[in-house]
PDB file of N, CA and C in Angstrom:
ATOM      1  N   MET A   1     -10.710  -5.218 -13.412  1.00  0.00           N
ATOM      2  CA  MET A   1      -9.937  -5.782 -14.493  1.00  0.00           C
ATOM      3  C   MET A   1      -8.742  -6.528 -13.910  1.00  0.00           C
ATOM      4  N   ASN A   2      -8.528  -7.727 -14.371  1.00  0.00           N
ATOM      5  CA  ASN A   2      -7.397  -8.533 -13.940  1.00  0.00           C
ATOM      6  C   ASN A   2      -6.237  -8.270 -14.898  1.00  0.00           C
ATOM      7  N   ILE A   3      -5.306  -7.432 -14.488  1.00  0.00           N
ATOM      8  CA  ILE A   3      -4.186  -7.028 -15.342  1.00  0.00           C
ATOM      9  C   ILE A   3      -3.332  -8.224 -15.729  1.00  0.00           C
ATOM     10  N   SER A   4      -3.081  -9.116 -14.794  1.00  0.00           N
ATOM     11  CA  SER A   4      -2.245 -10.281 -15.091  1.00  0.00           C
ATOM     12  C   SER A   4      -2.854 -11.115 -16.211  1.00  0.00           C
ATOM     13  N   ARG A   5      -4.139 -11.395 -16.102  1.00  0.00           N
ATOM     14  CA  ARG A   5      -4.812 -12.192 -17.136  1.00  0.00           C
ATOM     15  C   ARG A   5      -4.833 -11.439 -18.463  1.00  0.00           C
ATOM     16  N   TYR A   6      -5.103 -10.151 -18.418  1.00  0.00           N
ATOM     17  CA  TYR A   6      -5.135  -9.322 -19.623  1.00  0.00           C
ATOM     18  C   TYR A   6      -3.786  -9.360 -20.347  1.00  0.00           C
ATOM     19  N   MET A   7      -2.709  -9.225 -19.576  1.00  0.00           N
ATOM     20  CA  MET A   7      -1.378  -9.222 -20.175  1.00  0.00           C
ATOM     21  C   MET A   7      -1.028 -10.596 -20.748  1.00  0.00           C
ATOM     22  N   LYS A   8      -1.384 -11.653 -20.038  1.00  0.00           N
ATOM     23  CA  LYS A   8      -1.110 -13.003 -20.528  1.00  0.00           C
ATOM     24  C   LYS A   8      -1.900 -13.293 -21.802  1.00  0.00           C
ATOM     25  N   GLU A   9      -3.162 -12.851 -21.846  1.00  0.00           N
ATOM     26  CA  GLU A   9      -3.981 -13.065 -23.043  1.00  0.00           C
ATOM     27  C   GLU A   9      -3.428 -12.292 -24.234  1.00  0.00           C
ATOM     28  N   HIS A  10      -2.988 -11.062 -24.003  1.00  0.00           N
ATOM     29  CA  HIS A  10      -2.422 -10.270 -25.100  1.00  0.00           C
ATOM     30  C   HIS A  10      -1.138 -10.915 -25.613  1.00  0.00           C
ATOM     31  N   GLU A  11      -0.289 -11.353 -24.703  1.00  0.00           N
ATOM     32  CA  GLU A  11       0.963 -11.984 -25.122  1.00  0.00           C
ATOM     33  C   GLU A  11       0.686 -13.247 -25.922  1.00  0.00           C
ATOM     34  N   ALA A  12      -0.278 -14.053 -25.494  1.00  0.00           N
ATOM     35  CA  ALA A  12      -0.644 -15.268 -26.226  1.00  0.00           C
ATOM     36  C   ALA A  12      -1.188 -14.916 -27.609  1.00  0.00           C
ATOM     37  N   PHE A  13      -1.986 -13.853 -27.690  1.00  0.00           N
ATOM     38  CA  PHE A  13      -2.547 -13.409 -28.969  1.00  0.00           C
ATOM     39  C   PHE A  13      -1.442 -13.023 -29.945  1.00  0.00           C
ATOM     40  N   VAL A  14      -0.475 -12.240 -29.485  1.00  0.00           N
ATOM     41  CA  VAL A  14       0.622 -11.805 -30.351  1.00  0.00           C
ATOM     42  C   VAL A  14       1.472 -12.998 -30.774  1.00  0.00           C
ATOM     43  N   LYS A  15       1.776 -13.885 -29.841  1.00  0.00           N
ATOM     44  CA  LYS A  15       2.581 -15.062 -30.171  1.00  0.00           C
ATOM     45  C   LYS A  15       1.860 -15.955 -31.173  1.00  0.00           C
ATOM     46  N   GLN A  16       0.536 -16.067 -31.024  1.00  0.00           N
ATOM     47  CA  GLN A  16      -0.250 -16.874 -31.955  1.00  0.00           C
ATOM     48  C   GLN A  16      -0.139 -16.303 -33.368  1.00  0.00           C
ATOM     49  N   HIS A  17      -0.237 -14.994 -33.498  1.00  0.00           N
ATOM     50  CA  HIS A  17      -0.116 -14.361 -34.812  1.00  0.00           C
ATOM     51  C   HIS A  17       1.300 -14.487 -35.370  1.00  0.00           C
ATOM     52  N   LEU A  18       2.291 -14.425 -34.498  1.00  0.00           N
ATOM     53  CA  LEU A  18       3.668 -14.583 -34.953  1.00  0.00           C
ATOM     54  C   LEU A  18       3.922 -16.004 -35.456  1.00  0.00           C
ATOM     55  N   LEU A  19       3.415 -16.984 -34.730  1.00  0.00           N
ATOM     56  CA  LEU A  19       3.611 -18.380 -35.141  1.00  0.00           C
ATOM     57  C   LEU A  19       2.845 -18.705 -36.424  1.00  0.00           C
ATOM     58  N   ALA A  20       1.671 -18.085 -36.576  1.00  0.00           N
ATOM     59  CA  ALA A  20       0.865 -18.341 -37.764  1.00  0.00           C
ATOM     60  C   ALA A  20       1.409 -17.596 -38.979  1.00  0.00           C
ATOM     61  N   GLY A  21       2.296 -16.634 -38.756  1.00  0.00           N
ATOM     62  CA  GLY A  21       2.855 -15.867 -39.868  1.00  0.00           C
ATOM     63  C   GLY A  21       1.887 -14.841 -40.415  1.00  0.00           C
ATOM     64  N   ASP A  22       0.923 -14.396 -39.601  1.00  0.00           N
ATOM     65  CA  ASP A  22      -0.080 -13.429 -40.052  1.00  0.00           C
ATOM     66  C   ASP A  22       0.449 -12.016 -40.174  1.00  0.00           C
ATOM     67  N   THR A  23       1.696 -11.791 -39.856  1.00  0.00           N
ATOM     68  CA  THR A  23       2.215 -10.425 -39.828  1.00  0.00           C
ATOM     69  C   THR A  23       2.435  -9.854 -41.221  1.00  0.00           C
ATOM     70  N   SER A  24       2.508 -10.702 -42.243  1.00  0.00           N
ATOM     71  CA  SER A  24       2.740 -10.173 -43.590  1.00  0.00           C
ATOM     72  C   SER A  24       1.521  -9.437 -44.115  1.00  0.00           C
ATOM     73  N   THR A  25       0.309  -9.872 -43.727  1.00  0.00           N
ATOM     74  CA  THR A  25      -0.892  -9.227 -44.226  1.00  0.00           C
ATOM     75  C   THR A  25      -1.289  -8.019 -43.395  1.00  0.00           C
ATOM     76  N   ASP A  26      -1.229  -8.143 -42.089  1.00  0.00           N
ATOM     77  CA  ASP A  26      -1.637  -7.018 -41.237  1.00  0.00           C
ATOM     78  C   ASP A  26      -0.623  -6.800 -40.116  1.00  0.00           C
ATOM     79  N   GLY A  27       0.635  -6.812 -40.464  1.00  0.00           N
ATOM     80  CA  GLY A  27       1.678  -6.616 -39.467  1.00  0.00           C
ATOM     81  C   GLY A  27       1.648  -5.248 -38.849  1.00  0.00           C
ATOM     82  N   GLU A  28       1.347  -4.230 -39.660  1.00  0.00           N
ATOM     83  CA  GLU A  28       1.281  -2.863 -39.130  1.00  0.00           C
ATOM     84  C   GLU A  28       0.187  -2.732 -38.081  1.00  0.00           C
ATOM     85  N   GLY A  29      -0.964  -3.345 -38.346  1.00  0.00           N
ATOM     86  CA  GLY A  29      -2.064  -3.289 -37.384  1.00  0.00           C
ATOM     87  C   GLY A  29      -1.711  -4.002 -36.091  1.00  0.00           C
ATOM     88  N   LEU A  30      -1.086  -5.167 -36.220  1.00  0.00           N
ATOM     89  CA  LEU A  30      -0.659  -5.921 -35.039  1.00  0.00           C
ATOM     90  C   LEU A  30       0.371  -5.121 -34.253  1.00  0.00           C
ATOM     91  N   LEU A  31       1.319  -4.520 -34.967  1.00  0.00           N
ATOM     92  CA  LEU A  31       2.360  -3.735 -34.309  1.00  0.00           C
ATOM     93  C   LEU A  31       1.771  -2.511 -33.609  1.00  0.00           C
ATOM     94  N   ARG A  32       0.869  -1.797 -34.275  1.00  0.00           N
ATOM     95  CA  ARG A  32       0.236  -0.616 -33.652  1.00  0.00           C
ATOM     96  C   ARG A  32      -0.546  -1.006 -32.401  1.00  0.00           C
ATOM     97  N   ASN A  33      -1.325  -2.088 -32.508  1.00  0.00           N
ATOM     98  CA  ASN A  33      -2.114  -2.540 -31.363  1.00  0.00           C
ATOM     99  C   ASN A  33      -1.200  -2.959 -30.213  1.00  0.00           C
ATOM    100  N   HIS A  34      -0.157  -3.703 -30.540  1.00  0.00           N
ATOM    101  CA  HIS A  34       0.773  -4.160 -29.502  1.00  0.00           C
ATOM    102  C   HIS A  34       1.458  -2.967 -28.834  1.00  0.00           C
ATOM    103  N   GLU A  35       1.915  -1.998 -29.617  1.00  0.00           N
ATOM    104  CA  GLU A  35       2.596  -0.835 -29.036  1.00  0.00           C
ATOM    105  C   GLU A  35       1.641   0.034 -28.226  1.00  0.00           C
ATOM    106  N   ARG A  36       0.366   0.088 -28.618  1.00  0.00           N
ATOM    107  CA  ARG A  36      -0.630   0.837 -27.841  1.00  0.00           C
ATOM    108  C   ARG A  36      -0.820   0.197 -26.467  1.00  0.00           C
ATOM    109  N   ILE A  37      -0.961  -1.122 -26.459  1.00  0.00           N
ATOM    110  CA  ILE A  37      -1.139  -1.830 -25.189  1.00  0.00           C
ATOM    111  C   ILE A  37       0.150  -1.788 -24.375  1.00  0.00           C
ATOM    112  N   LEU A  38       1.296  -1.872 -25.049  1.00  0.00           N
ATOM    113  CA  LEU A  38       2.590  -1.778 -24.364  1.00  0.00           C
ATOM    114  C   LEU A  38       2.732  -0.434 -23.652  1.00  0.00           C
ATOM    115  N   ALA A  39       2.346   0.645 -24.320  1.00  0.00           N
ATOM    116  CA  ALA A  39       2.428   1.975 -23.704  1.00  0.00           C
ATOM    117  C   ALA A  39       1.532   2.065 -22.462  1.00  0.00           C
ATOM    118  N   ALA A  40       0.344   1.486 -22.550  1.00  0.00           N
ATOM    119  CA  ALA A  40      -0.569   1.505 -21.401  1.00  0.00           C
ATOM    120  C   ALA A  40       0.015   0.706 -20.235  1.00  0.00           C
ATOM    121  N   MET A  41       0.633  -0.415 -20.528  1.00  0.00           N
ATOM    122  CA  MET A  41       1.210  -1.241 -19.463  1.00  0.00           C
ATOM    123  C   MET A  41       2.482  -0.613 -18.899  1.00  0.00           C
ATOM    124  N   GLN A  42       3.214   0.159 -19.704  1.00  0.00           N
ATOM    125  CA  GLN A  42       4.365   0.884 -19.177  1.00  0.00           C
ATOM    126  C   GLN A  42       3.892   1.925 -18.158  1.00  0.00           C
ATOM    127  N   HIS A  43       2.756   2.553 -18.451  1.00  0.00           N
ATOM    128  CA  HIS A  43       2.181   3.509 -17.501  1.00  0.00           C
ATOM    129  C   HIS A  43       1.764   2.787 -16.224  1.00  0.00           C
ATOM    130  N   GLU A  44       1.132   1.633 -16.375  1.00  0.00           N
ATOM    131  CA  GLU A  44       0.723   0.822 -15.227  1.00  0.00           C
ATOM    132  C   GLU A  44       1.949   0.451 -14.380  1.00  0.00           C
ATOM    133  N   ARG A  45       3.039   0.084 -15.051  1.00  0.00           N
ATOM    134  CA  ARG A  45       4.278  -0.293 -14.360  1.00  0.00           C
ATOM    135  C   ARG A  45       4.832   0.897 -13.575  1.00  0.00           C
ATOM    136  N   LEU A  46       4.799   2.084 -14.163  1.00  0.00           N
ATOM    137  CA  LEU A  46       5.286   3.278 -13.469  1.00  0.00           C
ATOM    138  C   LEU A  46       4.466   3.564 -12.221  1.00  0.00           C
ATOM    139  N   ILE A  47       3.158   3.466 -12.343  1.00  0.00           N
ATOM    140  CA  ILE A  47       2.286   3.710 -11.187  1.00  0.00           C
ATOM    141  C   ILE A  47       2.575   2.698 -10.080  1.00  0.00           C
ATOM    142  N   HIS A  48       2.738   1.431 -10.451  1.00  0.00           N
ATOM    143  CA  HIS A  48       3.024   0.419  -9.434  1.00  0.00           C
ATOM    144  C   HIS A  48       4.407   0.599  -8.823  1.00  0.00           C
ATOM    145  N   LEU A  49       5.356   1.113  -9.579  1.00  0.00           N
ATOM    146  CA  LEU A  49       6.663   1.414  -9.009  1.00  0.00           C
ATOM    147  C   LEU A  49       6.533   2.498  -7.939  1.00  0.00           C
ATOM    148  N   LEU A  50       5.773   3.539  -8.247  1.00  0.00           N
ATOM    149  CA  LEU A  50       5.586   4.624  -7.275  1.00  0.00           C
ATOM    150  C   LEU A  50       4.864   4.139  -6.025  1.00  0.00           C
ATOM    151  N   VAL A  51       3.846   3.310  -6.193  1.00  0.00           N
ATOM    152  CA  VAL A  51       3.115   2.775  -5.039  1.00  0.00           C
ATOM    153  C   VAL A  51       4.021   1.857  -4.218  1.00  0.00           C
ATOM    154  N   THR A  52       4.824   1.041  -4.898  1.00  0.00           N
ATOM    155  CA  THR A  52       5.751   0.154  -4.192  1.00  0.00           C
ATOM    156  C   THR A  52       6.760   0.962  -3.386  1.00  0.00           C
ATOM    157  N   LEU A  53       7.303   2.005  -3.992  1.00  0.00           N
ATOM    158  CA  LEU A  53       8.240   2.867  -3.260  1.00  0.00           C
ATOM    159  C   LEU A  53       7.559   3.546  -2.072  1.00  0.00           C
ATOM    160  N   ALA A  54       6.314   3.968  -2.254  1.00  0.00           N
ATOM    161  CA  ALA A  54       5.582   4.599  -1.160  1.00  0.00           C
ATOM    162  C   ALA A  54       5.406   3.629   0.007  1.00  0.00           C
ATOM    163  N   PHE A  55       5.046   2.372  -0.297  1.00  0.00           N
ATOM    164  CA  PHE A  55       4.886   1.404   0.785  1.00  0.00           C
ATOM    165  C   PHE A  55       6.220   1.099   1.454  1.00  0.00           C
ATOM    166  N   GLY A  56       7.315   1.140   0.710  1.00  0.00           N
ATOM    167  CA  GLY A  56       8.638   0.974   1.317  1.00  0.00           C
ATOM    168  C   GLY A  56       8.937   2.102   2.287  1.00  0.00           C
ATOM    169  N   ILE A  57       8.600   3.318   1.891  1.00  0.00           N
ATOM    170  CA  ILE A  57       8.802   4.477   2.772  1.00  0.00           C
ATOM    171  C   ILE A  57       7.892   4.379   3.997  1.00  0.00           C
ATOM    172  N   PHE A  58       6.633   3.966   3.777  1.00  0.00           N
ATOM    173  CA  PHE A  58       5.711   3.806   4.909  1.00  0.00           C
ATOM    174  C   PHE A  58       6.252   2.771   5.895  1.00  0.00           C
ATOM    175  N   LEU A  59       6.840   1.701   5.366  1.00  0.00           N
ATOM    176  CA  LEU A  59       7.410   0.672   6.235  1.00  0.00           C
ATOM    177  C   LEU A  59       8.548   1.244   7.070  1.00  0.00           C
ATOM    178  N   LEU A  60       9.443   1.999   6.444  1.00  0.00           N
ATOM    179  CA  LEU A  60      10.564   2.592   7.188  1.00  0.00           C
ATOM    180  C   LEU A  60      10.083   3.584   8.243  1.00  0.00           C
ATOM    181  N   VAL A  61       9.108   4.400   7.894  1.00  0.00           N
ATOM    182  CA  VAL A  61       8.558   5.371   8.854  1.00  0.00           C
ATOM    183  C   VAL A  61       7.885   4.633  10.016  1.00  0.00           C
ATOM    184  N   SER A  62       7.145   3.568   9.692  1.00  0.00           N
ATOM    185  CA  SER A  62       6.467   2.832  10.760  1.00  0.00           C
ATOM    186  C   SER A  62       7.475   2.135  11.681  1.00  0.00           C
ATOM    187  N   LEU A  63       8.616   1.710  11.130  1.00  0.00           N
ATOM    188  CA  LEU A  63       9.655   1.132  11.981  1.00  0.00           C
ATOM    189  C   LEU A  63      10.237   2.192  12.919  1.00  0.00           C
ATOM    190  N   CYS A  64      10.364   3.418  12.448  1.00  0.00           N
ATOM    191  CA  CYS A  64      10.815   4.519  13.312  1.00  0.00           C
ATOM    192  C   CYS A  64       9.795   4.805  14.403  1.00  0.00           C
ATOM    193  N   ILE A  65       8.529   4.741  14.052  1.00  0.00           N
ATOM    194  CA  ILE A  65       7.460   4.976  15.036  1.00  0.00           C
ATOM    195  C   ILE A  65       7.497   3.899  16.116  1.00  0.00           C
ATOM    196  N   VAL A  66       7.759   2.658  15.707  1.00  0.00           N
ATOM    197  CA  VAL A  66       7.853   1.564  16.686  1.00  0.00           C
ATOM    198  C   VAL A  66       9.000   1.824  17.663  1.00  0.00           C
ATOM    199  N   GLN A  67      10.111   2.374  17.155  1.00  0.00           N
ATOM    200  CA  GLN A  67      11.251   2.673  18.032  1.00  0.00           C
ATOM    201  C   GLN A  67      10.920   3.800  19.012  1.00  0.00           C
ATOM    202  N   LEU A  68      10.136   4.759  18.543  1.00  0.00           N
ATOM    203  CA  LEU A  68       9.791   5.894  19.409  1.00  0.00           C
ATOM    204  C   LEU A  68       8.691   5.567  20.407  1.00  0.00           C
ATOM    205  N   PHE A  69       7.705   4.780  19.975  1.00  0.00           N
ATOM    206  CA  PHE A  69       6.551   4.464  20.815  1.00  0.00           C
ATOM    207  C   PHE A  69       6.322   2.956  20.843  1.00  0.00           C
ATOM    208  N   PRO A  70       7.174   2.208  21.533  1.00  0.00           N
ATOM    209  CA  PRO A  70       6.998   0.747  21.548  1.00  0.00           C
ATOM    210  C   PRO A  70       5.702   0.361  22.262  1.00  0.00           C
ATOM    211  N   SER A  71       4.889  -0.373  21.545  1.00  0.00           N
ATOM    212  CA  SER A  71       3.614  -0.834  22.074  1.00  0.00           C
ATOM    213  C   SER A  71       3.163  -2.014  21.216  1.00  0.00           C
ATOM    214  N   PRO A  72       2.504  -2.995  21.781  1.00  0.00           N
ATOM    215  CA  PRO A  72       2.065  -4.149  20.975  1.00  0.00           C
ATOM    216  C   PRO A  72       1.171  -3.750  19.794  1.00  0.00           C
ATOM    217  N   VAL A  73       0.364  -2.740  19.975  1.00  0.00           N
ATOM    218  CA  VAL A  73      -0.527  -2.305  18.899  1.00  0.00           C
ATOM    219  C   VAL A  73       0.270  -1.640  17.784  1.00  0.00           C
ATOM    220  N   VAL A  74       1.293  -0.895  18.143  1.00  0.00           N
ATOM    221  CA  VAL A  74       2.111  -0.194  17.150  1.00  0.00           C
ATOM    222  C   VAL A  74       2.911  -1.189  16.313  1.00  0.00           C
ATOM    223  N   TYR A  75       3.217  -2.366  16.854  1.00  0.00           N
ATOM    224  CA  TYR A  75       3.959  -3.376  16.103  1.00  0.00           C
ATOM    225  C   TYR A  75       3.160  -3.904  14.904  1.00  0.00           C
ATOM    226  N   LEU A  76       1.865  -3.762  14.936  1.00  0.00           N
ATOM    227  CA  LEU A  76       1.037  -4.228  13.822  1.00  0.00           C
ATOM    228  C   LEU A  76       1.252  -3.403  12.558  1.00  0.00           C
ATOM    229  N   LEU A  77       1.553  -2.124  12.737  1.00  0.00           N
ATOM    230  CA  LEU A  77       1.701  -1.222  11.595  1.00  0.00           C
ATOM    231  C   LEU A  77       2.826  -1.645  10.644  1.00  0.00           C
ATOM    232  N   PRO A  78       4.046  -1.865  11.126  1.00  0.00           N
ATOM    233  CA  PRO A  78       5.085  -2.314  10.188  1.00  0.00           C
ATOM    234  C   PRO A  78       4.784  -3.685   9.581  1.00  0.00           C
ATOM    235  N   GLY A  79       4.135  -4.537  10.348  1.00  0.00           N
ATOM    236  CA  GLY A  79       3.756  -5.849   9.811  1.00  0.00           C
ATOM    237  C   GLY A  79       2.801  -5.721   8.644  1.00  0.00           C
ATOM    238  N   LEU A  80       1.827  -4.843   8.800  1.00  0.00           N
ATOM    239  CA  LEU A  80       0.862  -4.609   7.722  1.00  0.00           C
ATOM    240  C   LEU A  80       1.557  -4.036   6.485  1.00  0.00           C
ATOM    241  N   PHE A  81       2.413  -3.047   6.682  1.00  0.00           N
ATOM    242  CA  PHE A  81       3.121  -2.457   5.544  1.00  0.00           C
ATOM    243  C   PHE A  81       4.071  -3.456   4.895  1.00  0.00           C
ATOM    244  N   PHE A  82       4.695  -4.315   5.687  1.00  0.00           N
ATOM    245  CA  PHE A  82       5.605  -5.317   5.139  1.00  0.00           C
ATOM    246  C   PHE A  82       4.858  -6.311   4.248  1.00  0.00           C
ATOM    247  N   ILE A  83       3.694  -6.761   4.711  1.00  0.00           N
ATOM    248  CA  ILE A  83       2.880  -7.693   3.919  1.00  0.00           C
ATOM    249  C   ILE A  83       2.431  -7.035   2.620  1.00  0.00           C
ATOM    250  N   MET A  84       1.965  -5.797   2.710  1.00  0.00           N
ATOM    251  CA  MET A  84       1.541  -5.081   1.499  1.00  0.00           C
ATOM    252  C   MET A  84       2.720  -4.886   0.547  1.00  0.00           C
ATOM    253  N   LEU A  85       3.879  -4.578   1.090  1.00  0.00           N
ATOM    254  CA  LEU A  85       5.068  -4.361   0.263  1.00  0.00           C
ATOM    255  C   LEU A  85       5.455  -5.640  -0.483  1.00  0.00           C
ATOM    256  N   ILE A  86       5.339  -6.781   0.178  1.00  0.00           N
ATOM    257  CA  ILE A  86       5.654  -8.052  -0.480  1.00  0.00           C
ATOM    258  C   ILE A  86       4.754  -8.257  -1.692  1.00  0.00           C
ATOM    259  N   PHE A  87       3.456  -8.002  -1.536  1.00  0.00           N
ATOM    260  CA  PHE A  87       2.532  -8.193  -2.656  1.00  0.00           C
ATOM    261  C   PHE A  87       2.783  -7.184  -3.777  1.00  0.00           C
ATOM    262  N   TYR A  88       3.080  -5.954  -3.421  1.00  0.00           N
ATOM    263  CA  TYR A  88       3.366  -4.955  -4.451  1.00  0.00           C
ATOM    264  C   TYR A  88       4.668  -5.261  -5.185  1.00  0.00           C
ATOM    265  N   VAL A  89       5.685  -5.731  -4.488  1.00  0.00           N
ATOM    266  CA  VAL A  89       6.946  -6.102  -5.145  1.00  0.00           C
ATOM    267  C   VAL A  89       6.712  -7.278  -6.089  1.00  0.00           C
ATOM    268  N   ALA A  90       5.939  -8.263  -5.663  1.00  0.00           N
ATOM    269  CA  ALA A  90       5.650  -9.419  -6.519  1.00  0.00           C
ATOM    270  C   ALA A  90       4.900  -8.986  -7.784  1.00  0.00           C
ATOM    271  N   HIS A  91       3.918  -8.103  -7.634  1.00  0.00           N
ATOM    272  CA  HIS A  91       3.163  -7.646  -8.801  1.00  0.00           C
ATOM    273  C   HIS A  91       4.043  -6.782  -9.708  1.00  0.00           C
ATOM    274  N   TYR A  92       4.856  -5.938  -9.121  1.00  0.00           N
ATOM    275  CA  TYR A  92       5.748  -5.111  -9.927  1.00  0.00           C
ATOM    276  C   TYR A  92       6.756  -5.992 -10.674  1.00  0.00           C
ATOM    277  N   PHE A  93       7.244  -7.042 -10.028  1.00  0.00           N
ATOM    278  CA  PHE A  93       8.156  -7.987 -10.664  1.00  0.00           C
ATOM    279  C   PHE A  93       7.494  -8.612 -11.893  1.00  0.00           C
ATOM    280  N   PHE A  94       6.219  -9.006 -11.754  1.00  0.00           N
ATOM    281  CA  PHE A  94       5.477  -9.565 -12.889  1.00  0.00           C
ATOM    282  C   PHE A  94       5.361  -8.538 -14.013  1.00  0.00           C
ATOM    283  N   LEU A  95       4.975  -7.302 -13.672  1.00  0.00           N
ATOM    284  CA  LEU A  95       4.844  -6.258 -14.692  1.00  0.00           C
ATOM    285  C   LEU A  95       6.162  -6.001 -15.403  1.00  0.00           C
ATOM    286  N   GLU A  96       7.232  -5.877 -14.654  1.00  0.00           N
ATOM    287  CA  GLU A  96       8.544  -5.575 -15.235  1.00  0.00           C
ATOM    288  C   GLU A  96       8.987  -6.675 -16.186  1.00  0.00           C
ATOM    289  N   ASN A  97       8.878  -7.923 -15.758  1.00  0.00           N
ATOM    290  CA  ASN A  97       9.303  -9.031 -16.605  1.00  0.00           C
ATOM    291  C   ASN A  97       8.436  -9.165 -17.849  1.00  0.00           C
ATOM    292  N   THR A  98       7.148  -8.931 -17.719  1.00  0.00           N
ATOM    293  CA  THR A  98       6.265  -9.014 -18.875  1.00  0.00           C
ATOM    294  C   THR A  98       6.579  -7.917 -19.881  1.00  0.00           C
ATOM    295  N   ILE A  99       6.803  -6.704 -19.408  1.00  0.00           N
ATOM    296  CA  ILE A  99       7.149  -5.602 -20.307  1.00  0.00           C
ATOM    297  C   ILE A  99       8.458  -5.906 -21.037  1.00  0.00           C
ATOM    298  N   GLN A 100       9.422  -6.484 -20.343  1.00  0.00           N
ATOM    299  CA  GLN A 100      10.686  -6.846 -20.992  1.00  0.00           C
ATOM    300  C   GLN A 100      10.462  -7.878 -22.099  1.00  0.00           C
ATOM    301  N   ARG A 101       9.594  -8.864 -21.849  1.00  0.00           N
ATOM    302  CA  ARG A 101       9.274  -9.851 -22.897  1.00  0.00           C
ATOM    303  C   ARG A 101       8.565  -9.183 -24.065  1.00  0.00           C
ATOM    304  N   TRP A 102       7.724  -8.188 -23.767  1.00  0.00           N
ATOM    305  CA  TRP A 102       6.981  -7.515 -24.824  1.00  0.00           C
ATOM    306  C   TRP A 102       7.898  -6.687 -25.716  1.00  0.00           C
ATOM    307  N   TYR A 103       8.997  -6.169 -25.176  1.00  0.00           N
ATOM    308  CA  TYR A 103       9.968  -5.488 -26.029  1.00  0.00           C
ATOM    309  C   TYR A 103      10.513  -6.468 -27.066  1.00  0.00           C
ATOM    310  N   GLU A 104      10.784  -7.682 -26.632  1.00  0.00           N
ATOM    311  CA  GLU A 104      11.258  -8.709 -27.561  1.00  0.00           C
ATOM    312  C   GLU A 104      10.177  -9.076 -28.568  1.00  0.00           C
ATOM    313  N   LEU A 105       8.913  -9.126 -28.129  1.00  0.00           N
ATOM    314  CA  LEU A 105       7.814  -9.405 -29.062  1.00  0.00           C
ATOM    315  C   LEU A 105       7.714  -8.321 -30.131  1.00  0.00           C
ATOM    316  N   THR A 106       7.912  -7.072 -29.722  1.00  0.00           N
ATOM    317  CA  THR A 106       7.883  -5.974 -30.685  1.00  0.00           C
ATOM    318  C   THR A 106       8.950  -6.177 -31.743  1.00  0.00           C
ATOM    319  N   ASP A 107      10.147  -6.544 -31.316  1.00  0.00           N
ATOM    320  CA  ASP A 107      11.227  -6.808 -32.267  1.00  0.00           C
ATOM    321  C   ASP A 107      10.880  -7.972 -33.195  1.00  0.00           C
ATOM    322  N   GLU A 108      10.257  -9.013 -32.651  1.00  0.00           N
ATOM    323  CA  GLU A 108       9.872 -10.160 -33.473  1.00  0.00           C
ATOM    324  C   GLU A 108       8.828  -9.777 -34.514  1.00  0.00           C
ATOM    325  N   ILE A 109       7.864  -8.944 -34.131  1.00  0.00           N
ATOM    326  CA  ILE A 109       6.848  -8.497 -35.083  1.00  0.00           C
ATOM    327  C   ILE A 109       7.507  -7.752 -36.230  1.00  0.00           C
ATOM    328  N   VAL A 110       8.420  -6.846 -35.895  1.00  0.00           N
ATOM    329  CA  VAL A 110       9.109  -6.064 -36.921  1.00  0.00           C
ATOM    330  C   VAL A 110       9.919  -6.986 -37.834  1.00  0.00           C
ATOM    331  N   LYS A 111      10.601  -7.966 -37.272  1.00  0.00           N
ATOM    332  CA  LYS A 111      11.388  -8.901 -38.082  1.00  0.00           C
ATOM    333  C   LYS A 111      10.493  -9.720 -39.007  1.00  0.00           C
ATOM    334  N   LYS A 112       9.355 -10.191 -38.479  1.00  0.00           N
ATOM    335  CA  LYS A 112       8.439 -11.001 -39.289  1.00  0.00           C
ATOM    336  C   LYS A 112       7.817 -10.193 -40.422  1.00  0.00           C
ATOM    337  N   MET A 113       7.673  -8.891 -40.193  1.00  0.00           N
ATOM    338  CA  MET A 113       7.101  -8.044 -41.236  1.00  0.00           C
ATOM    339  C   MET A 113       8.087  -7.921 -42.400  1.00  0.00           C
ATOM    340  N   GLY A 114       9.361  -8.120 -42.119  1.00  0.00           N
ATOM    341  CA  GLY A 114      10.359  -8.092 -43.160  1.00  0.00           C
ATOM    342  C   GLY A 114      10.812  -6.714 -43.580  1.00  0.00           C
ATOM    343  N   THR A 115      10.372  -5.685 -42.854  1.00  0.00           N
ATOM    344  CA  THR A 115      10.807  -4.325 -43.169  1.00  0.00           C
ATOM    345  C   THR A 115      11.273  -3.653 -41.905  1.00  0.00           C
ATOM    346  N   GLY A 116      12.078  -2.647 -42.066  1.00  0.00           N
ATOM    347  CA  GLY A 116      12.487  -1.827 -40.936  1.00  0.00           C
ATOM    348  C   GLY A 116      11.338  -0.932 -40.510  1.00  0.00           C
ATOM    349  N   ARG A 117      11.467  -0.341 -39.368  1.00  0.00           N
ATOM    350  CA  ARG A 117      10.408   0.537 -38.866  1.00  0.00           C
ATOM    351  C   ARG A 117      10.453   1.851 -39.599  1.00  0.00           C
ATOM    352  N   SER A 118       9.280   2.301 -40.007  1.00  0.00           N
ATOM    353  CA  SER A 118       9.201   3.546 -40.756  1.00  0.00           C
ATOM    354  C   SER A 118       9.044   4.765 -39.848  1.00  0.00           C
ATOM    355  N   ASP A 119       8.779   4.540 -38.542  1.00  0.00           N
ATOM    356  CA  ASP A 119       8.553   5.672 -37.647  1.00  0.00           C
ATOM    357  C   ASP A 119       9.828   6.128 -36.963  1.00  0.00           C
ATOM    358  N   GLY A 120      10.956   5.508 -37.279  1.00  0.00           N
ATOM    359  CA  GLY A 120      12.235   5.958 -36.727  1.00  0.00           C
ATOM    360  C   GLY A 120      12.515   5.479 -35.327  1.00  0.00           C
ATOM    361  N   ALA A 121      11.652   4.632 -34.770  1.00  0.00           N
ATOM    362  CA  ALA A 121      11.870   4.148 -33.401  1.00  0.00           C
ATOM    363  C   ALA A 121      12.833   2.998 -33.381  1.00  0.00           C
TER     364      ALA A 121
END
């Protein structure tokens, strides 16, 4: 599953419904679906944060290993972890920014519905 494409398609779907003004007829359904997907992506974001932190720790440990056992082969280890860390940070950055935009989309859905939230959130 391509998470980036999935998130972009969902965001486009919600924006399309907001622009069309479809929230008056089935705003609750749109809001429930959006919040369900938002919760799943928040979980995805948490997992990627933990993996990103783990790769950061692996990078620091591998740099210590290089200091203790300098060898051309050992130098590859921090390089590998650094490259992986760059990709994980970039993906986490995408997830974080998308989730922040989705919080605003949730507010827009509620505003378009014309009523306050009944669930107390």
